[in-house]
PDB file of all heavy atoms in Angstrom:
ATOM      1  N   ALA A   1     -47.846  44.880  29.138  1.00  0.00           N
ATOM      2  CA  ALA A   1     -46.915  45.937  28.708  1.00  0.00           C
ATOM      3  C   ALA A   1     -47.475  47.324  29.001  1.00  0.00           C
ATOM      4  O   ALA A   1     -46.711  48.268  29.237  1.00  0.00           O
ATOM      5  CB  ALA A   1     -46.603  45.793  27.226  1.00  0.00           C
ATOM      6  N   ASN A   2     -48.797  47.464  28.998  1.00  0.00           N
ATOM      7  CA  ASN A   2     -49.414  48.762  29.283  1.00  0.00           C
ATOM      8  C   ASN A   2     -49.357  49.128  30.765  1.00  0.00           C
ATOM      9  O   ASN A   2     -49.656  50.262  31.135  1.00  0.00           O
ATOM     10  CB  ASN A   2     -50.868  48.776  28.809  1.00  0.00           C
ATOM     11  CG  ASN A   2     -50.976  48.739  27.302  1.00  0.00           C
ATOM     12  OD1 ASN A   2     -50.014  49.033  26.607  1.00  0.00           O
ATOM     13  ND2 ASN A   2     -52.127  48.350  26.800  1.00  0.00           N
ATOM     14  N   ALA A   3     -48.977  48.178  31.612  1.00  0.00           N
ATOM     15  CA  ALA A   3     -48.873  48.445  33.046  1.00  0.00           C
ATOM     16  C   ALA A   3     -47.541  49.105  33.395  1.00  0.00           C
ATOM     17  O   ALA A   3     -47.421  49.715  34.456  1.00  0.00           O
ATOM     18  CB  ALA A   3     -49.030  47.151  33.834  1.00  0.00           C
ATOM     19  N   VAL A   4     -46.550  49.005  32.529  1.00  0.00           N
ATOM     20  CA  VAL A   4     -45.218  49.536  32.836  1.00  0.00           C
ATOM     21  C   VAL A   4     -45.204  51.062  32.964  1.00  0.00           C
ATOM     22  O   VAL A   4     -44.675  51.582  33.948  1.00  0.00           O
ATOM     23  CB  VAL A   4     -44.168  49.044  31.811  1.00  0.00           C
ATOM     24  CG1 VAL A   4     -42.817  49.694  32.046  1.00  0.00           C
ATOM     25  CG2 VAL A   4     -44.036  47.530  31.884  1.00  0.00           C
ATOM     26  N   PRO A   5     -45.769  51.833  32.013  1.00  0.00           N
ATOM     27  CA  PRO A   5     -45.702  53.301  32.157  1.00  0.00           C
ATOM     28  C   PRO A   5     -46.333  53.854  33.432  1.00  0.00           C
ATOM     29  O   PRO A   5     -45.694  54.665  34.112  1.00  0.00           O
ATOM     30  CB  PRO A   5     -46.397  53.821  30.892  1.00  0.00           C
ATOM     31  CG  PRO A   5     -46.239  52.723  29.898  1.00  0.00           C
ATOM     32  CD  PRO A   5     -46.321  51.456  30.700  1.00  0.00           C
ATOM     33  N   PRO A   6     -47.553  53.426  33.819  1.00  0.00           N
ATOM     34  CA  PRO A   6     -48.079  53.986  35.079  1.00  0.00           C
ATOM     35  C   PRO A   6     -47.296  53.510  36.304  1.00  0.00           C
ATOM     36  O   PRO A   6     -47.115  54.267  37.263  1.00  0.00           O
ATOM     37  CB  PRO A   6     -49.531  53.515  35.132  1.00  0.00           C
ATOM     38  CG  PRO A   6     -49.665  52.456  34.122  1.00  0.00           C
ATOM     39  CD  PRO A   6     -48.575  52.632  33.129  1.00  0.00           C
ATOM     40  N   ALA A   7     -46.783  52.290  36.270  1.00  0.00           N
ATOM     41  CA  ALA A   7     -45.991  51.794  37.396  1.00  0.00           C
ATOM     42  C   ALA A   7     -44.666  52.557  37.486  1.00  0.00           C
ATOM     43  O   ALA A   7     -44.200  52.874  38.585  1.00  0.00           O
ATOM     44  CB  ALA A   7     -45.738  50.298  37.249  1.00  0.00           C
ATOM     45  N   ARG A   8     -44.081  52.869  36.331  1.00  0.00           N
ATOM     46  CA  ARG A   8     -42.842  53.660  36.316  1.00  0.00           C
ATOM     47  C   ARG A   8     -43.109  55.058  36.866  1.00  0.00           C
ATOM     48  O   ARG A   8     -42.345  55.578  37.662  1.00  0.00           O
ATOM     49  CB  ARG A   8     -42.265  53.747  34.905  1.00  0.00           C
ATOM     50  CG  ARG A   8     -40.962  54.544  34.863  1.00  0.00           C
ATOM     51  CD  ARG A   8     -40.370  54.647  33.471  1.00  0.00           C
ATOM     52  NE  ARG A   8     -41.298  55.281  32.562  1.00  0.00           N
ATOM     53  CZ  ARG A   8     -41.724  54.746  31.414  1.00  0.00           C
ATOM     54  NH1 ARG A   8     -41.292  53.563  31.023  1.00  0.00           N
ATOM     55  NH2 ARG A   8     -42.561  55.396  30.654  1.00  0.00           N
ATOM     56  N   LYS A   9     -44.222  55.658  36.471  1.00  0.00           N
ATOM     57  CA  LYS A   9     -44.577  56.989  36.969  1.00  0.00           C
ATOM     58  C   LYS A   9     -44.805  56.956  38.477  1.00  0.00           C
ATOM     59  O   LYS A   9     -44.375  57.865  39.191  1.00  0.00           O
ATOM     60  CB  LYS A   9     -45.838  57.485  36.246  1.00  0.00           C
ATOM     61  CG  LYS A   9     -46.253  58.874  36.622  1.00  0.00           C
ATOM     62  CD  LYS A   9     -45.251  59.905  36.165  1.00  0.00           C
ATOM     63  CE  LYS A   9     -45.775  61.293  36.463  1.00  0.00           C
ATOM     64  NZ  LYS A   9     -44.730  62.267  36.641  1.00  0.00           N
ATOM     65  N   LEU A  10     -45.440  55.906  38.965  1.00  0.00           N
ATOM     66  CA  LEU A  10     -45.643  55.744  40.405  1.00  0.00           C
ATOM     67  C   LEU A  10     -44.304  55.717  41.133  1.00  0.00           C
ATOM     68  O   LEU A  10     -44.118  56.402  42.141  1.00  0.00           O
ATOM     69  CB  LEU A  10     -46.421  54.455  40.676  1.00  0.00           C
ATOM     70  CG  LEU A  10     -46.616  54.056  42.133  1.00  0.00           C
ATOM     71  CD1 LEU A  10     -47.514  55.058  42.840  1.00  0.00           C
ATOM     72  CD2 LEU A  10     -47.197  52.653  42.217  1.00  0.00           C
ATOM     73  N   PHE A  11     -43.346  54.953  40.607  1.00  0.00           N
ATOM     74  CA  PHE A  11     -42.039  54.857  41.251  1.00  0.00           C
ATOM     75  C   PHE A  11     -41.245  56.161  41.118  1.00  0.00           C
ATOM     76  O   PHE A  11     -40.574  56.573  42.054  1.00  0.00           O
ATOM     77  CB  PHE A  11     -41.231  53.686  40.675  1.00  0.00           C
ATOM     78  CG  PHE A  11     -39.867  53.558  41.267  1.00  0.00           C
ATOM     79  CD1 PHE A  11     -39.700  53.305  42.621  1.00  0.00           C
ATOM     80  CD2 PHE A  11     -38.740  53.711  40.480  1.00  0.00           C
ATOM     81  CE1 PHE A  11     -38.433  53.197  43.176  1.00  0.00           C
ATOM     82  CE2 PHE A  11     -37.480  53.610  41.026  1.00  0.00           C
ATOM     83  CZ  PHE A  11     -37.320  53.346  42.379  1.00  0.00           C
ATOM     84  N   GLU A  12     -41.333  56.811  39.969  1.00  0.00           N
ATOM     85  CA  GLU A  12     -40.608  58.075  39.780  1.00  0.00           C
ATOM     86  C   GLU A  12     -41.105  59.149  40.741  1.00  0.00           C
ATOM     87  O   GLU A  12     -40.315  59.966  41.210  1.00  0.00           O
ATOM     88  CB  GLU A  12     -40.744  58.565  38.340  1.00  0.00           C
ATOM     89  CG  GLU A  12     -39.946  57.752  37.348  1.00  0.00           C
ATOM     90  CD  GLU A  12     -40.229  58.128  35.898  1.00  0.00           C
ATOM     91  OE1 GLU A  12     -41.171  58.915  35.645  1.00  0.00           O
ATOM     92  OE2 GLU A  12     -39.523  57.610  35.015  1.00  0.00           O
ATOM     93  N   ASP A  13     -42.388  59.164  41.028  1.00  0.00           N
ATOM     94  CA  ASP A  13     -42.941  60.161  41.947  1.00  0.00           C
ATOM     95  C   ASP A  13     -42.792  59.762  43.415  1.00  0.00           C
ATOM     96  O   ASP A  13     -43.007  60.583  44.290  1.00  0.00           O
ATOM     97  CB  ASP A  13     -44.410  60.428  41.632  1.00  0.00           C
ATOM     98  CG  ASP A  13     -44.580  61.346  40.441  1.00  0.00           C
ATOM     99  OD1 ASP A  13     -43.581  61.634  39.751  1.00  0.00           O
ATOM    100  OD2 ASP A  13     -45.713  61.794  40.208  1.00  0.00           O
ATOM    101  N   ASN A  14     -42.448  58.510  43.673  1.00  0.00           N
ATOM    102  CA  ASN A  14     -42.244  58.010  45.037  1.00  0.00           C
ATOM    103  C   ASN A  14     -40.956  57.182  45.076  1.00  0.00           C
ATOM    104  O   ASN A  14     -40.990  55.975  45.337  1.00  0.00           O
ATOM    105  CB  ASN A  14     -43.431  57.132  45.470  1.00  0.00           C
ATOM    106  CG  ASN A  14     -44.728  57.874  45.410  1.00  0.00           C
ATOM    107  OD1 ASN A  14     -44.985  58.738  46.225  1.00  0.00           O
ATOM    108  ND2 ASN A  14     -45.561  57.565  44.408  1.00  0.00           N
ATOM    109  N   PRO A  15     -39.797  57.806  44.820  1.00  0.00           N
ATOM    110  CA  PRO A  15     -38.554  57.035  44.655  1.00  0.00           C
ATOM    111  C   PRO A  15     -38.036  56.392  45.941  1.00  0.00           C
ATOM    112  O   PRO A  15     -37.151  55.539  45.877  1.00  0.00           O
ATOM    113  CB  PRO A  15     -37.562  58.075  44.132  1.00  0.00           C
ATOM    114  CG  PRO A  15     -38.068  59.366  44.658  1.00  0.00           C
ATOM    115  CD  PRO A  15     -39.571  59.233  44.664  1.00  0.00           C
ATOM    116  N   HIS A  16     -38.570  56.755  47.089  1.00  0.00           N
ATOM    117  CA  HIS A  16     -38.105  56.170  48.346  1.00  0.00           C
ATOM    118  C   HIS A  16     -39.082  55.141  48.903  1.00  0.00           C
ATOM    119  O   HIS A  16     -38.870  54.614  49.984  1.00  0.00           O
ATOM    120  CB  HIS A  16     -37.856  57.261  49.388  1.00  0.00           C
ATOM    121  CG  HIS A  16     -36.854  58.273  48.942  1.00  0.00           C
ATOM    122  ND1 HIS A  16     -35.553  57.953  48.645  1.00  0.00           N
ATOM    123  CD2 HIS A  16     -36.963  59.594  48.710  1.00  0.00           C
ATOM    124  CE1 HIS A  16     -34.902  59.031  48.264  1.00  0.00           C
ATOM    125  NE2 HIS A  16     -35.749  60.043  48.280  1.00  0.00           N
ATOM    126  N   SER A  17     -40.134  54.858  48.166  1.00  0.00           N
ATOM    127  CA  SER A  17     -41.158  53.921  48.614  1.00  0.00           C
ATOM    128  C   SER A  17     -40.873  52.521  48.066  1.00  0.00           C
ATOM    129  O   SER A  17     -40.820  52.316  46.850  1.00  0.00           O
ATOM    130  CB  SER A  17     -42.531  54.389  48.130  1.00  0.00           C
ATOM    131  OG  SER A  17     -43.487  53.380  48.331  1.00  0.00           O
ATOM    132  N   ILE A  18     -40.718  51.570  48.968  1.00  0.00           N
ATOM    133  CA  ILE A  18     -40.508  50.188  48.533  1.00  0.00           C
ATOM    134  C   ILE A  18     -41.764  49.654  47.867  1.00  0.00           C
ATOM    135  O   ILE A  18     -41.688  48.893  46.905  1.00  0.00           O
ATOM    136  CB  ILE A  18     -40.077  49.302  49.720  1.00  0.00           C
ATOM    137  CG1 ILE A  18     -38.700  49.762  50.225  1.00  0.00           C
ATOM    138  CG2 ILE A  18     -40.030  47.838  49.321  1.00  0.00           C
ATOM    139  CD1 ILE A  18     -38.220  49.055  51.466  1.00  0.00           C
ATOM    140  N   SER A  19     -42.921  50.088  48.328  1.00  0.00           N
ATOM    141  CA  SER A  19     -44.177  49.659  47.717  1.00  0.00           C
ATOM    142  C   SER A  19     -44.241  50.079  46.246  1.00  0.00           C
ATOM    143  O   SER A  19     -44.633  49.288  45.381  1.00  0.00           O
ATOM    144  CB  SER A  19     -45.361  50.238  48.488  1.00  0.00           C
ATOM    145  OG  SER A  19     -46.575  49.913  47.859  1.00  0.00           O
ATOM    146  N   ALA A  20     -43.861  51.321  45.963  1.00  0.00           N
ATOM    147  CA  ALA A  20     -43.862  51.797  44.574  1.00  0.00           C
ATOM    148  C   ALA A  20     -42.851  51.014  43.739  1.00  0.00           C
ATOM    149  O   ALA A  20     -43.108  50.680  42.578  1.00  0.00           O
ATOM    150  CB  ALA A  20     -43.547  53.288  44.536  1.00  0.00           C
ATOM    151  N   LEU A  21     -41.707  50.698  44.323  1.00  0.00           N
ATOM    152  CA  LEU A  21     -40.703  49.893  43.626  1.00  0.00           C
ATOM    153  C   LEU A  21     -41.252  48.504  43.328  1.00  0.00           C
ATOM    154  O   LEU A  21     -41.013  47.961  42.240  1.00  0.00           O
ATOM    155  CB  LEU A  21     -39.426  49.803  44.463  1.00  0.00           C
ATOM    156  CG  LEU A  21     -38.333  48.879  43.929  1.00  0.00           C
ATOM    157  CD1 LEU A  21     -37.832  49.360  42.567  1.00  0.00           C
ATOM    158  CD2 LEU A  21     -37.187  48.786  44.932  1.00  0.00           C
ATOM    159  N   GLU A  22     -41.991  47.933  44.255  1.00  0.00           N
ATOM    160  CA  GLU A  22     -42.592  46.614  44.020  1.00  0.00           C
ATOM    161  C   GLU A  22     -43.586  46.648  42.867  1.00  0.00           C
ATOM    162  O   GLU A  22     -43.627  45.727  42.054  1.00  0.00           O
ATOM    163  CB  GLU A  22     -43.271  46.100  45.289  1.00  0.00           C
ATOM    164  CG  GLU A  22     -42.298  45.650  46.349  1.00  0.00           C
ATOM    165  CD  GLU A  22     -42.978  45.189  47.629  1.00  0.00           C
ATOM    166  OE1 GLU A  22     -44.188  45.448  47.804  1.00  0.00           O
ATOM    167  OE2 GLU A  22     -42.288  44.582  48.454  1.00  0.00           O
ATOM    168  N   TRP A  23     -44.398  47.710  42.797  1.00  0.00           N
ATOM    169  CA  TRP A  23     -45.339  47.837  41.676  1.00  0.00           C
ATOM    170  C   TRP A  23     -44.578  47.879  40.351  1.00  0.00           C
ATOM    171  O   TRP A  23     -44.951  47.207  39.393  1.00  0.00           O
ATOM    172  CB  TRP A  23     -46.182  49.102  41.826  1.00  0.00           C
ATOM    173  CG  TRP A  23     -47.377  48.912  42.695  1.00  0.00           C
ATOM    174  CD1 TRP A  23     -47.417  48.987  44.057  1.00  0.00           C
ATOM    175  CD2 TRP A  23     -48.696  48.601  42.271  1.00  0.00           C
ATOM    176  NE1 TRP A  23     -48.688  48.753  44.502  1.00  0.00           N
ATOM    177  CE2 TRP A  23     -49.499  48.511  43.425  1.00  0.00           C
ATOM    178  CE3 TRP A  23     -49.286  48.402  41.036  1.00  0.00           C
ATOM    179  CZ2 TRP A  23     -50.854  48.224  43.378  1.00  0.00           C
ATOM    180  CZ3 TRP A  23     -50.635  48.129  40.978  1.00  0.00           C
ATOM    181  CH2 TRP A  23     -51.407  48.034  42.136  1.00  0.00           C
ATOM    182  N   TYR A  24     -43.528  48.668  40.311  1.00  0.00           N
ATOM    183  CA  TYR A  24     -42.731  48.804  39.083  1.00  0.00           C
ATOM    184  C   TYR A  24     -42.028  47.492  38.753  1.00  0.00           C
ATOM    185  O   TYR A  24     -42.017  47.057  37.603  1.00  0.00           O
ATOM    186  CB  TYR A  24     -41.730  49.945  39.255  1.00  0.00           C
ATOM    187  CG  TYR A  24     -41.003  50.357  38.001  1.00  0.00           C
ATOM    188  CD1 TYR A  24     -41.560  50.220  36.744  1.00  0.00           C
ATOM    189  CD2 TYR A  24     -39.726  50.903  38.080  1.00  0.00           C
ATOM    190  CE1 TYR A  24     -40.892  50.619  35.601  1.00  0.00           C
ATOM    191  CE2 TYR A  24     -39.041  51.302  36.952  1.00  0.00           C
ATOM    192  CZ  TYR A  24     -39.628  51.155  35.716  1.00  0.00           C
ATOM    193  OH  TYR A  24     -38.941  51.539  34.589  1.00  0.00           O
ATOM    194  N   SER A  25     -41.460  46.846  39.757  1.00  0.00           N
ATOM    195  CA  SER A  25     -40.739  45.599  39.499  1.00  0.00           C
ATOM    196  C   SER A  25     -41.687  44.517  38.991  1.00  0.00           C
ATOM    197  O   SER A  25     -41.324  43.753  38.092  1.00  0.00           O
ATOM    198  CB  SER A  25     -39.986  45.132  40.744  1.00  0.00           C
ATOM    199  OG  SER A  25     -40.872  44.749  41.760  1.00  0.00           O
ATOM    200  N   GLN A  26     -42.894  44.443  39.535  1.00  0.00           N
ATOM    201  CA  GLN A  26     -43.856  43.450  39.066  1.00  0.00           C
ATOM    202  C   GLN A  26     -44.241  43.696  37.607  1.00  0.00           C
ATOM    203  O   GLN A  26     -44.378  42.756  36.828  1.00  0.00           O
ATOM    204  CB  GLN A  26     -45.101  43.436  39.957  1.00  0.00           C
ATOM    205  CG  GLN A  26     -44.865  42.810  41.302  1.00  0.00           C
ATOM    206  CD  GLN A  26     -44.378  41.378  41.196  1.00  0.00           C
ATOM    207  OE1 GLN A  26     -44.931  40.570  40.451  1.00  0.00           O
ATOM    208  NE2 GLN A  26     -43.328  41.069  41.931  1.00  0.00           N
ATOM    209  N   ALA A  27     -44.405  44.969  37.259  1.00  0.00           N
ATOM    210  CA  ALA A  27     -44.731  45.293  35.863  1.00  0.00           C
ATOM    211  C   ALA A  27     -43.590  44.878  34.936  1.00  0.00           C
ATOM    212  O   ALA A  27     -43.826  44.319  33.861  1.00  0.00           O
ATOM    213  CB  ALA A  27     -45.013  46.791  35.723  1.00  0.00           C
ATOM    214  N   LEU A  28     -42.364  45.135  35.353  1.00  0.00           N
ATOM    215  CA  LEU A  28     -41.215  44.754  34.531  1.00  0.00           C
ATOM    216  C   LEU A  28     -41.080  43.241  34.410  1.00  0.00           C
ATOM    217  O   LEU A  28     -40.783  42.715  33.330  1.00  0.00           O
ATOM    218  CB  LEU A  28     -39.922  45.355  35.099  1.00  0.00           C
ATOM    219  CG  LEU A  28     -39.810  46.872  35.026  1.00  0.00           C
ATOM    220  CD1 LEU A  28     -38.568  47.348  35.763  1.00  0.00           C
ATOM    221  CD2 LEU A  28     -39.794  47.337  33.581  1.00  0.00           C
ATOM    222  N   LEU A  29     -41.301  42.535  35.496  1.00  0.00           N
ATOM    223  CA  LEU A  29     -41.176  41.080  35.462  1.00  0.00           C
ATOM    224  C   LEU A  29     -42.272  40.437  34.622  1.00  0.00           C
ATOM    225  O   LEU A  29     -42.034  39.426  33.965  1.00  0.00           O
ATOM    226  CB  LEU A  29     -41.179  40.513  36.873  1.00  0.00           C
ATOM    227  CG  LEU A  29     -39.934  40.852  37.690  1.00  0.00           C
ATOM    228  CD1 LEU A  29     -40.086  40.354  39.118  1.00  0.00           C
ATOM    229  CD2 LEU A  29     -38.685  40.278  37.044  1.00  0.00           C
ATOM    230  N   ARG A  30     -43.460  41.033  34.626  1.00  0.00           N
ATOM    231  CA  ARG A  30     -44.548  40.484  33.801  1.00  0.00           C
ATOM    232  C   ARG A  30     -44.301  40.698  32.318  1.00  0.00           C
ATOM    233  O   ARG A  30     -44.920  40.031  31.493  1.00  0.00           O
ATOM    234  CB  ARG A  30     -45.881  41.093  34.214  1.00  0.00           C
ATOM    235  CG  ARG A  30     -46.341  40.592  35.567  1.00  0.00           C
ATOM    236  CD  ARG A  30     -47.650  41.188  35.966  1.00  0.00           C
ATOM    237  NE  ARG A  30     -47.983  40.782  37.320  1.00  0.00           N
ATOM    238  CZ  ARG A  30     -49.190  40.856  37.827  1.00  0.00           C
ATOM    239  NH1 ARG A  30     -50.187  41.334  37.119  1.00  0.00           N
ATOM    240  NH2 ARG A  30     -49.415  40.475  39.067  1.00  0.00           N
ATOM    241  N   THR A  31     -43.413  41.616  31.984  1.00  0.00           N
ATOM    242  CA  THR A  31     -43.050  41.836  30.579  1.00  0.00           C
ATOM    243  C   THR A  31     -41.671  41.250  30.269  1.00  0.00           C
ATOM    244  O   THR A  31     -41.082  41.559  29.247  1.00  0.00           O
ATOM    245  CB  THR A  31     -43.065  43.333  30.238  1.00  0.00           C
ATOM    246  OG1 THR A  31     -42.158  44.025  31.096  1.00  0.00           O
ATOM    247  CG2 THR A  31     -44.456  43.914  30.357  1.00  0.00           C
ATOM    248  N   ASN A  32     -41.168  40.416  31.170  1.00  0.00           N
ATOM    249  CA  ASN A  32     -39.876  39.741  30.994  1.00  0.00           C
ATOM    250  C   ASN A  32     -38.714  40.714  30.813  1.00  0.00           C
ATOM    251  O   ASN A  32     -37.820  40.481  30.007  1.00  0.00           O
ATOM    252  CB  ASN A  32     -39.920  38.752  29.827  1.00  0.00           C
ATOM    253  CG  ASN A  32     -40.814  37.574  30.108  1.00  0.00           C
ATOM    254  OD1 ASN A  32     -40.890  37.111  31.234  1.00  0.00           O
ATOM    255  ND2 ASN A  32     -41.508  37.109  29.087  1.00  0.00           N
ATOM    256  N   ASP A  33     -38.722  41.796  31.561  1.00  0.00           N
ATOM    257  CA  ASP A  33     -37.652  42.799  31.476  1.00  0.00           C
ATOM    258  C   ASP A  33     -36.799  42.771  32.745  1.00  0.00           C
ATOM    259  O   ASP A  33     -36.653  43.765  33.445  1.00  0.00           O
ATOM    260  CB  ASP A  33     -38.242  44.191  31.248  1.00  0.00           C
ATOM    261  CG  ASP A  33     -37.247  45.135  30.596  1.00  0.00           C
ATOM    262  OD1 ASP A  33     -36.056  44.792  30.535  1.00  0.00           O
ATOM    263  OD2 ASP A  33     -37.671  46.216  30.160  1.00  0.00           O
ATOM    264  N   ARG A  34     -36.228  41.607  33.018  1.00  0.00           N
ATOM    265  CA  ARG A  34     -35.416  41.420  34.223  1.00  0.00           C
ATOM    266  C   ARG A  34     -34.162  42.295  34.196  1.00  0.00           C
ATOM    267  O   ARG A  34     -33.730  42.786  35.232  1.00  0.00           O
ATOM    268  CB  ARG A  34     -35.035  39.959  34.367  1.00  0.00           C
ATOM    269  CG  ARG A  34     -34.225  39.666  35.598  1.00  0.00           C
ATOM    270  CD  ARG A  34     -33.892  38.214  35.730  1.00  0.00           C
ATOM    271  NE  ARG A  34     -33.101  38.007  36.929  1.00  0.00           N
ATOM    272  CZ  ARG A  34     -32.692  36.841  37.325  1.00  0.00           C
ATOM    273  NH1 ARG A  34     -32.994  35.757  36.650  1.00  0.00           N
ATOM    274  NH2 ARG A  34     -31.962  36.730  38.423  1.00  0.00           N
ATOM    275  N   ASN A  35     -33.586  42.490  33.025  1.00  0.00           N
ATOM    276  CA  ASN A  35     -32.361  43.297  32.937  1.00  0.00           C
ATOM    277  C   ASN A  35     -32.603  44.747  33.346  1.00  0.00           C
ATOM    278  O   ASN A  35     -31.762  45.357  33.991  1.00  0.00           O
ATOM    279  CB  ASN A  35     -31.765  43.231  31.534  1.00  0.00           C
ATOM    280  CG  ASN A  35     -31.197  41.868  31.238  1.00  0.00           C
ATOM    281  OD1 ASN A  35     -30.756  41.162  32.138  1.00  0.00           O
ATOM    282  ND2 ASN A  35     -31.218  41.470  29.969  1.00  0.00           N
ATOM    283  N   ARG A  36     -33.744  45.298  32.957  1.00  0.00           N
ATOM    284  CA  ARG A  36     -34.050  46.674  33.366  1.00  0.00           C
ATOM    285  C   ARG A  36     -34.223  46.744  34.878  1.00  0.00           C
ATOM    286  O   ARG A  36     -33.742  47.665  35.527  1.00  0.00           O
ATOM    287  CB  ARG A  36     -35.305  47.193  32.687  1.00  0.00           C
ATOM    288  CG  ARG A  36     -35.488  48.693  32.978  1.00  0.00           C
ATOM    289  CD  ARG A  36     -36.853  49.239  32.690  1.00  0.00           C
ATOM    290  NE  ARG A  36     -37.199  49.343  31.295  1.00  0.00           N
ATOM    291  CZ  ARG A  36     -38.381  49.793  30.878  1.00  0.00           C
ATOM    292  NH1 ARG A  36     -39.290  50.200  31.742  1.00  0.00           N
ATOM    293  NH2 ARG A  36     -38.678  49.856  29.607  1.00  0.00           N
ATOM    294  N   LEU A  37     -34.874  45.742  35.453  1.00  0.00           N
ATOM    295  CA  LEU A  37     -35.035  45.692  36.901  1.00  0.00           C
ATOM    296  C   LEU A  37     -33.675  45.627  37.591  1.00  0.00           C
ATOM    297  O   LEU A  37     -33.436  46.330  38.575  1.00  0.00           O
ATOM    298  CB  LEU A  37     -35.900  44.498  37.311  1.00  0.00           C
ATOM    299  CG  LEU A  37     -36.100  44.304  38.809  1.00  0.00           C
ATOM    300  CD1 LEU A  37     -36.769  45.517  39.429  1.00  0.00           C
ATOM    301  CD2 LEU A  37     -36.896  43.042  39.076  1.00  0.00           C
ATOM    302  N   LYS A  38     -32.769  44.825  37.057  1.00  0.00           N
ATOM    303  CA  LYS A  38     -31.424  44.729  37.639  1.00  0.00           C
ATOM    304  C   LYS A  38     -30.707  46.073  37.597  1.00  0.00           C
ATOM    305  O   LYS A  38     -30.039  46.455  38.555  1.00  0.00           O
ATOM    306  CB  LYS A  38     -30.602  43.679  36.901  1.00  0.00           C
ATOM    307  CG  LYS A  38     -30.999  42.262  37.194  1.00  0.00           C
ATOM    308  CD  LYS A  38     -30.210  41.330  36.316  1.00  0.00           C
ATOM    309  CE  LYS A  38     -29.568  40.251  37.133  1.00  0.00           C
ATOM    310  NZ  LYS A  38     -28.784  39.333  36.307  1.00  0.00           N
ATOM    311  N   ARG A  39     -30.847  46.800  36.491  1.00  0.00           N
ATOM    312  CA  ARG A  39     -30.206  48.118  36.376  1.00  0.00           C
ATOM    313  C   ARG A  39     -30.796  49.100  37.380  1.00  0.00           C
ATOM    314  O   ARG A  39     -30.063  49.888  37.989  1.00  0.00           O
ATOM    315  CB  ARG A  39     -30.357  48.663  34.956  1.00  0.00           C
ATOM    316  CG  ARG A  39     -29.484  47.968  33.932  1.00  0.00           C
ATOM    317  CD  ARG A  39     -29.461  48.707  32.609  1.00  0.00           C
ATOM    318  NE  ARG A  39     -30.780  48.984  32.061  1.00  0.00           N
ATOM    319  CZ  ARG A  39     -31.441  48.196  31.216  1.00  0.00           C
ATOM    320  NH1 ARG A  39     -30.912  47.062  30.823  1.00  0.00           N
ATOM    321  NH2 ARG A  39     -32.627  48.548  30.768  1.00  0.00           N
ATOM    322  N   ILE A  40     -32.103  49.070  37.556  1.00  0.00           N
ATOM    323  CA  ILE A  40     -32.767  49.982  38.501  1.00  0.00           C
ATOM    324  C   ILE A  40     -32.315  49.677  39.925  1.00  0.00           C
ATOM    325  O   ILE A  40     -31.953  50.583  40.678  1.00  0.00           O
ATOM    326  CB  ILE A  40     -34.297  49.869  38.367  1.00  0.00           C
ATOM    327  CG1 ILE A  40     -34.740  50.457  37.034  1.00  0.00           C
ATOM    328  CG2 ILE A  40     -35.007  50.560  39.524  1.00  0.00           C
ATOM    329  CD1 ILE A  40     -36.155  50.109  36.651  1.00  0.00           C
ATOM    330  N   VAL A  41     -32.306  48.414  40.286  1.00  0.00           N
ATOM    331  CA  VAL A  41     -31.916  48.022  41.640  1.00  0.00           C
ATOM    332  C   VAL A  41     -30.444  48.338  41.891  1.00  0.00           C
ATOM    333  O   VAL A  41     -30.075  48.764  42.986  1.00  0.00           O
ATOM    334  CB  VAL A  41     -32.235  46.527  41.878  1.00  0.00           C
ATOM    335  CG1 VAL A  41     -31.607  46.016  43.156  1.00  0.00           C
ATOM    336  CG2 VAL A  41     -33.745  46.311  41.903  1.00  0.00           C
ATOM    337  N   ALA A  42     -29.610  48.159  40.892  1.00  0.00           N
ATOM    338  CA  ALA A  42     -28.180  48.442  41.059  1.00  0.00           C
ATOM    339  C   ALA A  42     -27.927  49.917  41.354  1.00  0.00           C
ATOM    340  O   ALA A  42     -26.985  50.256  42.072  1.00  0.00           O
ATOM    341  CB  ALA A  42     -27.415  48.021  39.805  1.00  0.00           C
ATOM    342  N   LYS A  43     -28.772  50.801  40.840  1.00  0.00           N
ATOM    343  CA  LYS A  43     -28.589  52.249  41.039  1.00  0.00           C
ATOM    344  C   LYS A  43     -29.209  52.768  42.335  1.00  0.00           C
ATOM    345  O   LYS A  43     -28.949  53.899  42.725  1.00  0.00           O
ATOM    346  CB  LYS A  43     -29.204  53.015  39.868  1.00  0.00           C
ATOM    347  CG  LYS A  43     -28.481  52.809  38.566  1.00  0.00           C
ATOM    348  CD  LYS A  43     -29.170  53.552  37.450  1.00  0.00           C
ATOM    349  CE  LYS A  43     -28.533  53.277  36.112  1.00  0.00           C
ATOM    350  NZ  LYS A  43     -29.247  53.948  35.024  1.00  0.00           N
ATOM    351  N   LEU A  44     -30.034  51.966  42.990  1.00  0.00           N
ATOM    352  CA  LEU A  44     -30.745  52.433  44.184  1.00  0.00           C
ATOM    353  C   LEU A  44     -29.817  52.581  45.378  1.00  0.00           C
ATOM    354  O   LEU A  44     -28.872  51.814  45.552  1.00  0.00           O
ATOM    355  CB  LEU A  44     -31.851  51.447  44.564  1.00  0.00           C
ATOM    356  CG  LEU A  44     -33.103  51.469  43.724  1.00  0.00           C
ATOM    357  CD1 LEU A  44     -34.052  50.367  44.187  1.00  0.00           C
ATOM    358  CD2 LEU A  44     -33.799  52.809  43.808  1.00  0.00           C
ATOM    359  N   ASP A  45     -30.138  53.568  46.209  1.00  0.00           N
ATOM    360  CA  ASP A  45     -29.490  53.726  47.505  1.00  0.00           C
ATOM    361  C   ASP A  45     -30.446  53.131  48.531  1.00  0.00           C
ATOM    362  O   ASP A  45     -31.589  53.575  48.645  1.00  0.00           O
ATOM    363  CB  ASP A  45     -29.225  55.209  47.785  1.00  0.00           C
ATOM    364  CG  ASP A  45     -28.523  55.439  49.099  1.00  0.00           C
ATOM    365  OD1 ASP A  45     -28.050  54.462  49.717  1.00  0.00           O
ATOM    366  OD2 ASP A  45     -28.445  56.605  49.520  1.00  0.00           O
ATOM    367  N   ASP A  46     -29.994  52.141  49.273  1.00  0.00           N
ATOM    368  CA  ASP A  46     -30.867  51.416  50.194  1.00  0.00           C
ATOM    369  C   ASP A  46     -31.293  52.232  51.412  1.00  0.00           C
ATOM    370  O   ASP A  46     -32.362  52.009  51.958  1.00  0.00           O
ATOM    371  CB  ASP A  46     -30.173  50.139  50.688  1.00  0.00           C
ATOM    372  CG  ASP A  46     -29.778  49.212  49.557  1.00  0.00           C
ATOM    373  OD1 ASP A  46     -30.432  49.249  48.504  1.00  0.00           O
ATOM    374  OD2 ASP A  46     -28.810  48.456  49.724  1.00  0.00           O
TER     375      ASP A  46
END
């Protein structure tokens, strides 16, 4: 759970980086927060 805030900050500062998104998504999945990941992905512009 402590990995989510720095991973979120990484993605917020690099919103066009797929690598940063992967770091954030892995943190969310390790905390069983699939719904938040779905919301984030739904809002992304590919």
